Amino acid sequence: MSIIITGGCGLIGANLARIMLEKGREVVTFDVAPAQALPADLASRVTHVQGDITNYHEVLNALRDHGVDEVFHLAATLSAPSEANPWRAYKINNEGTYFALEAARVCGVGKFLFSSSMGSYGMGHDGHISDDTIQQPTIIYGVTKVFGELMGRYYQRKFGVDFRGVRLPQIVGPGVTAGGFGQYNPGMIEAAAQGRPYEVWVPEDTVLPLMYISDAIRSLAELYEAEAAAIKTRVYNLGQITPAPTAAELAGIVKGFFPEAQITFKPDPQAVEVLRYIPSYIDGSNAEKEWGWKLTGSAEDMVRDFIADMKAMNQG
């Protein structure tokens, strides 16, 4: 069984590749970055295709030439760079997703896993969202994720592609520090661990739903393993660490581990405007009912895991 992971050089993609290798899958990584961008332990264990997700023939050839049976489509540009260049975001996130789906159809792929985002929500909610909440995104990143969800559902109904997706909340983990308006959360932890001052670009009372990176990876792996008959909702909210800390509360938790941490707040107007539409609570009950998803742990556990993983990475 051969799988391809688009965006395979990214943090989630590379870690997902490790899990798939452990399951005995042959793994192909597809990324605009060269093979040298892969972690050293993966480079010799996967087949890497350096390619452009906005070039349909490169995507099609990657699936066809390597006999791909299943797809994890993670390639995307994130919220902040998407706002800076919405035209590029359209090409990578919209055209790239369409090309991946069409290549999957042509090649007779079975499962197609998609990473969506809580950024697909925007106006019209009261801070609490479920899978039934209407998606009215206010940023191009969210617009592209809604497009991906709808195209995937269409390809499932029209062509039988086994499309499944998760809407990830803000991901926290070592190295998750560039590309998103909500990445002050991992940023302040990493800076404190490295002894660097950190300026947070949102007000102290800002609340974002959070998830540790290992749980995000686990969600994709578990949804991949779920029986087809169990999949009713197709794209799932996953919940978040509960209770979700404010930015100031997270800074306080970080200072509990690093008392000398220098964390200050200087809100950026663009970030404030974008994040005011992000929900503060996500209902992940459909994922729990349909394929047994469970998310446990506190913000303190998240910071503790972050520090432990940073130490392990530095020792490695």
Protein backbone atom coordinates (compact mmCIF):
# COMPACT_ATOMS: atom_id res chain seq x y z
CA MET A 1 0.00 0.00 0.00
CA SER A 2 1.51 3.31 -1.12
CA ILE A 3 0.51 6.73 0.22
CA ILE A 4 1.53 10.23 -0.77
CA ILE A 5 1.77 13.15 1.64
CA THR A 6 1.64 16.56 -0.02
CA GLY A 7 3.46 19.11 2.09
CA GLY A 8 5.46 16.14 3.30
CA CYS A 9 8.46 18.18 4.47
CA GLY A 10 6.35 20.11 6.97
CA LEU A 11 6.15 19.29 10.67
CA ILE A 12 2.83 17.48 10.45
CA GLY A 13 3.67 15.82 7.14
CA ALA A 14 7.03 14.47 8.27
CA ASN A 15 5.66 13.12 11.54
CA LEU A 16 2.71 11.56 9.74
CA ALA A 17 5.18 9.87 7.39
CA ARG A 18 6.82 8.20 10.40
CA ILE A 19 3.47 6.84 11.56
CA MET A 20 2.61 5.52 8.11
CA LEU A 21 6.01 3.82 7.83
CA GLU A 22 5.37 2.13 11.16
CA LYS A 23 2.09 0.83 9.71
CA GLY A 24 4.02 -0.77 6.86
CA ARG A 25 3.01 1.73 4.19
CA GLU A 26 5.28 2.82 1.37
CA VAL A 27 5.48 6.60 1.73
CA VAL A 28 5.96 9.22 -0.99
CA THR A 29 6.47 12.81 0.15
CA PHE A 30 5.58 15.61 -2.27
CA ASP A 31 6.82 19.10 -1.50
CA VAL A 32 8.17 22.21 -3.18
CA ALA A 33 11.17 21.80 -0.87
CA PRO A 34 13.99 19.41 -1.79
CA ALA A 35 14.65 16.09 -0.07
CA GLN A 36 17.26 17.81 2.11
CA ALA A 37 14.38 19.49 3.95
CA LEU A 38 13.21 16.12 5.30
CA PRO A 39 14.38 15.06 8.77
CA ALA A 40 17.53 12.94 8.52
CA ASP A 41 15.78 9.81 9.81
CA LEU A 42 13.20 9.98 7.01
CA ALA A 43 15.26 10.84 3.96
CA SER A 44 16.33 7.25 3.23
CA ARG A 45 12.99 5.69 4.17
CA VAL A 46 10.62 7.60 1.90
CA THR A 47 10.51 8.43 -1.79
CA HIS A 48 10.63 12.20 -2.15
CA VAL A 49 9.20 14.08 -5.11
CA GLN A 50 10.13 17.74 -5.31
CA GLY A 51 7.21 19.30 -7.10
CA ASP A 52 4.77 22.17 -7.41
CA ILE A 53 1.24 21.54 -6.10
CA THR A 54 -0.03 24.22 -8.52
CA ASN A 55 1.16 22.18 -11.52
CA TYR A 56 -1.45 19.52 -12.23
CA HIS A 57 0.82 17.31 -14.30
CA GLU A 58 3.48 17.23 -11.60
CA VAL A 59 0.85 16.14 -9.08
CA LEU A 60 -0.66 13.58 -11.45
CA ASN A 61 2.74 12.14 -12.34
CA ALA A 62 3.70 11.82 -8.68
CA LEU A 63 0.60 9.71 -7.99
CA ARG A 64 0.74 7.69 -11.19
CA ASP A 65 4.49 7.04 -11.31
CA HIS A 66 4.59 5.76 -7.74
CA GLY A 67 1.39 3.71 -7.77
CA VAL A 68 -0.19 5.79 -5.01
CA ASP A 69 -3.23 4.22 -3.35
CA GLU A 70 -4.09 6.90 -0.77
CA VAL A 71 -3.48 10.63 -0.28
CA PHE A 72 -2.84 12.93 2.66
CA HIS A 73 -3.21 16.44 1.23
CA LEU A 74 -1.48 18.84 3.63
CA ALA A 75 0.19 21.27 1.20
CA ALA A 76 -1.02 24.82 1.86
CA THR A 77 0.06 28.35 2.56
CA LEU A 78 -1.04 29.49 6.04
CA SER A 79 -3.13 32.43 7.23
CA ALA A 80 -0.61 35.28 7.51
CA PRO A 81 1.20 34.72 4.19
CA SER A 82 -2.19 34.09 2.57
CA GLU A 83 -3.41 37.52 3.65
CA ALA A 84 -0.16 39.07 2.44
CA ASN A 85 -0.58 37.46 -0.98
CA PRO A 86 -4.14 36.20 -1.55
CA TRP A 87 -3.45 35.48 -5.24
CA ARG A 88 -0.70 33.03 -4.30
CA ALA A 89 -2.96 31.55 -1.61
CA TYR A 90 -5.65 30.93 -4.22
CA LYS A 91 -3.24 29.06 -6.47
CA ILE A 92 -1.66 26.91 -3.76
CA ASN A 93 -4.71 26.22 -1.61
CA ASN A 94 -7.53 26.18 -4.18
CA GLU A 95 -5.87 25.02 -7.38
CA GLY A 96 -3.55 22.72 -5.44
CA THR A 97 -6.45 20.99 -3.69
CA TYR A 98 -8.41 20.67 -6.93
CA PHE A 99 -5.38 19.21 -8.71
CA ALA A 100 -4.77 16.73 -5.88
CA LEU A 101 -8.42 15.61 -5.96
CA GLU A 102 -8.50 15.32 -9.74
CA ALA A 103 -5.25 13.36 -9.80
CA ALA A 104 -6.69 11.09 -7.11
CA ARG A 105 -9.80 10.52 -9.24
CA VAL A 106 -7.80 9.76 -12.38
CA CYS A 107 -5.52 7.35 -10.52
CA GLY A 108 -8.35 5.56 -8.72
CA VAL A 109 -7.12 6.52 -5.26
CA GLY A 110 -9.08 5.25 -2.25
CA LYS A 111 -8.79 7.43 0.85
CA PHE A 112 -8.10 11.16 0.52
CA LEU A 113 -7.31 12.91 3.83
CA PHE A 114 -7.53 16.72 3.99
CA SER A 115 -6.38 19.16 6.65
CA SER A 116 -8.84 22.03 7.04
CA SER A 117 -8.87 24.64 9.78
CA MET A 118 -10.93 26.45 12.38
CA GLY A 119 -10.03 29.46 10.22
CA SER A 120 -12.83 28.31 7.91
CA TYR A 121 -15.24 29.94 10.38
CA GLY A 122 -15.68 33.68 10.63
CA MET A 123 -18.76 35.82 11.02
CA GLY A 124 -22.11 34.62 12.26
CA HIS A 125 -21.25 32.51 15.31
CA ASP A 126 -21.34 33.21 19.04
CA GLY A 127 -17.88 31.86 19.83
CA HIS A 128 -19.06 28.24 20.09
CA ILE A 129 -18.99 26.15 16.92
CA SER A 130 -19.94 22.64 15.87
CA ASP A 131 -19.79 20.78 12.57
CA ASP A 132 -23.20 22.28 11.79
CA THR A 133 -22.10 25.91 12.19
CA ILE A 134 -22.23 27.86 8.94
CA GLN A 135 -18.76 28.73 7.65
CA GLN A 136 -18.43 32.42 6.76
CA PRO A 137 -14.67 33.05 6.73
CA THR A 138 -13.32 36.58 6.67
CA ILE A 139 -9.79 35.76 5.45
CA ILE A 140 -8.62 34.16 2.21
CA TYR A 141 -7.06 31.23 4.07
CA GLY A 142 -10.46 30.33 5.50
CA VAL A 143 -12.10 30.79 2.11
CA THR A 144 -9.66 28.34 0.55
CA LYS A 145 -10.27 25.78 3.27
CA VAL A 146 -14.05 25.93 2.74
CA PHE A 147 -13.40 25.44 -0.97
CA GLY A 148 -11.29 22.37 -0.20
CA GLU A 149 -13.98 20.89 2.02
CA LEU A 150 -16.72 21.44 -0.55
CA MET A 151 -14.65 20.12 -3.44
CA GLY A 152 -13.76 17.05 -1.42
CA ARG A 153 -17.42 16.38 -0.60
CA TYR A 154 -18.27 16.80 -4.28
CA TYR A 155 -15.58 14.34 -5.37
CA GLN A 156 -16.87 11.89 -2.78
CA ARG A 157 -20.47 12.13 -4.02
CA LYS A 158 -19.72 12.37 -7.74
CA PHE A 159 -16.71 10.10 -8.15
CA GLY A 160 -16.56 7.97 -5.01
CA VAL A 161 -13.28 9.35 -3.66
CA ASP A 162 -13.20 8.46 0.06
CA PHE A 163 -12.70 12.05 1.18
CA ARG A 164 -12.17 12.73 4.90
CA GLY A 165 -10.95 15.84 6.70
CA VAL A 166 -10.23 17.46 10.03
CA ARG A 167 -10.49 21.13 10.97
CA LEU A 168 -7.41 21.72 13.06
CA PRO A 169 -7.40 24.36 15.80
CA GLN A 170 -4.23 26.35 16.51
CA ILE A 171 -1.38 23.85 16.56
CA VAL A 172 1.30 24.16 19.24
CA GLY A 173 4.67 22.45 19.06
CA PRO A 174 8.39 23.08 18.59
CA GLY A 175 9.03 24.70 15.22
CA VAL A 176 5.41 25.84 14.74
CA THR A 177 6.38 29.50 14.78
CA ALA A 178 5.82 30.98 11.32
CA GLY A 179 2.90 31.52 9.00
CA GLY A 180 -0.18 31.91 11.18
CA PHE A 181 -1.77 34.73 13.16
CA GLY A 182 -2.26 32.40 16.13
CA GLN A 183 1.30 31.18 16.33
CA TYR A 184 2.19 33.45 19.21
CA ASN A 185 1.11 30.45 21.32
CA PRO A 186 4.01 28.17 20.36
CA GLY A 187 6.19 31.23 19.80
CA MET A 188 6.16 32.35 23.41
CA ILE A 189 6.94 28.85 24.70
CA GLU A 190 9.84 28.34 22.31
CA ALA A 191 11.29 31.79 22.99
CA ALA A 192 11.14 31.27 26.76
CA ALA A 193 12.84 27.88 26.46
CA GLN A 194 15.62 29.50 24.42
CA GLY A 195 16.00 32.46 26.77
CA ARG A 196 14.76 35.00 24.22
CA PRO A 197 12.30 37.84 24.90
CA TYR A 198 8.99 37.53 23.07
CA GLU A 199 6.44 40.13 22.05
CA VAL A 200 2.88 38.82 21.68
CA TRP A 201 0.87 40.53 18.92
CA VAL A 202 -2.61 40.07 20.45
CA PRO A 203 -4.36 41.45 23.56
CA GLU A 204 -3.88 39.55 26.82
CA ASP A 205 -7.50 38.33 26.89
CA THR A 206 -7.33 36.66 23.45
CA VAL A 207 -8.49 33.03 23.51
CA LEU A 208 -7.75 30.54 20.74
CA PRO A 209 -8.60 26.83 20.71
CA LEU A 210 -5.30 24.95 20.99
CA MET A 211 -4.04 21.45 20.23
CA TYR A 212 -0.59 19.95 20.66
CA ILE A 213 1.05 18.86 17.42
CA SER A 214 1.17 15.18 18.37
CA ASP A 215 -2.62 15.20 18.76
CA ALA A 216 -3.07 16.86 15.36
CA ILE A 217 -0.97 14.13 13.75
CA ARG A 218 -2.85 11.46 15.70
CA SER A 219 -6.20 12.83 14.51
CA LEU A 220 -5.24 12.37 10.86
CA ALA A 221 -3.84 8.89 11.51
CA GLU A 222 -6.95 7.77 13.41
CA LEU A 223 -9.35 9.22 10.83
CA TYR A 224 -7.34 7.40 8.16
CA GLU A 225 -7.86 4.10 10.01
CA ALA A 226 -11.60 4.61 10.60
CA GLU A 227 -13.99 2.25 8.83
CA ALA A 228 -15.64 3.83 5.79
CA ALA A 229 -19.10 3.00 7.13
CA ALA A 230 -18.43 5.09 10.24
CA ILE A 231 -17.68 8.28 8.30
CA LYS A 232 -20.87 10.34 8.17
CA THR A 233 -19.80 13.92 8.77
CA ARG A 234 -16.80 13.81 6.35
CA VAL A 235 -15.01 16.89 7.78
CA TYR A 236 -14.67 17.05 11.54
CA ASN A 237 -14.04 19.59 14.25
CA LEU A 238 -11.76 18.08 16.88
CA GLY A 239 -12.32 20.16 20.00
CA GLN A 240 -9.41 21.74 21.86
CA ILE A 241 -7.44 21.71 25.07
CA THR A 242 -9.91 22.54 27.85
CA PRO A 243 -10.07 25.05 29.37
CA ALA A 244 -8.59 27.13 26.57
CA PRO A 245 -6.18 29.66 28.13
CA THR A 246 -6.09 33.34 27.32
CA ALA A 247 -2.81 34.64 25.93
CA ALA A 248 -2.00 36.07 29.37
CA GLU A 249 -2.85 32.80 31.10
CA LEU A 250 -0.59 30.88 28.74
CA ALA A 251 2.18 33.38 29.40
CA GLY A 252 1.69 32.74 33.12
CA ILE A 253 1.94 28.98 32.60
CA VAL A 254 5.13 29.46 30.59
CA LYS A 255 6.60 31.60 33.36
CA GLY A 256 5.83 28.79 35.79
CA PHE A 257 8.38 26.72 33.87
CA PHE A 258 10.70 29.63 33.02
CA PRO A 259 10.41 32.30 35.75
CA GLU A 260 12.81 34.62 33.92
CA ALA A 261 10.80 34.57 30.69
CA GLN A 262 10.30 38.01 29.16
CA ILE A 263 6.87 37.99 27.53
CA THR A 264 5.29 41.31 26.62
CA PHE A 265 2.13 42.27 24.73
CA LYS A 266 1.89 44.69 21.81
CA PRO A 267 -1.31 44.03 19.82
CA ASP A 268 -1.07 44.24 16.05
CA PRO A 269 -4.25 45.69 14.49
CA GLN A 270 -4.36 43.21 11.59
CA ALA A 271 -3.94 40.19 13.87
CA VAL A 272 -6.58 41.51 16.26
CA GLU A 273 -9.05 42.01 13.40
CA VAL A 274 -8.45 38.53 11.99
CA LEU A 275 -8.57 36.68 15.30
CA ARG A 276 -11.71 38.35 16.61
CA TYR A 277 -13.71 36.05 14.31
CA ILE A 278 -12.02 32.86 15.53
CA PRO A 279 -14.21 30.70 17.80
CA SER A 280 -13.26 30.22 21.44
CA TYR A 281 -14.90 26.79 21.82
CA ILE A 282 -15.05 23.91 19.34
CA ASP A 283 -17.43 20.97 19.68
CA GLY A 284 -15.68 17.79 18.54
CA SER A 285 -18.48 15.38 19.47
CA ASN A 286 -19.09 14.03 15.94
CA ALA A 287 -15.48 12.87 15.69
CA GLU A 288 -15.84 11.22 19.08
CA LYS A 289 -19.09 9.45 18.15
CA GLU A 290 -18.17 8.36 14.63
CA TRP A 291 -14.55 7.25 14.94
CA GLY A 292 -13.68 7.37 18.63
CA TRP A 293 -11.61 10.55 18.72
CA LYS A 294 -10.47 11.60 22.20
CA LEU A 295 -8.56 14.72 23.22
CA THR A 296 -7.29 15.04 26.78
CA GLY A 297 -4.73 17.13 28.62
CA SER A 298 -4.40 20.68 29.90
CA ALA A 299 -2.48 23.76 28.83
CA GLU A 300 0.12 22.87 31.47
CA ASP A 301 0.49 19.41 29.92
CA MET A 302 0.91 21.02 26.51
CA VAL A 303 3.72 23.30 27.69
CA ARG A 304 5.40 20.41 29.51
CA ASP A 305 5.26 18.23 26.37
CA PHE A 306 6.58 21.12 24.29
CA ILE A 307 9.61 21.55 26.56
CA ALA A 308 10.30 17.80 26.63
CA ASP A 309 10.11 17.58 22.84
CA MET A 310 12.43 20.57 22.44
CA LYS A 311 14.99 18.93 24.71
CA ALA A 312 14.73 15.66 22.79
CA MET A 313 15.18 17.47 19.47
CA ASN A 314 18.23 19.35 20.75
CA GLN A 315 19.79 16.15 22.07
CA GLY A 316 19.16 14.43 18.78
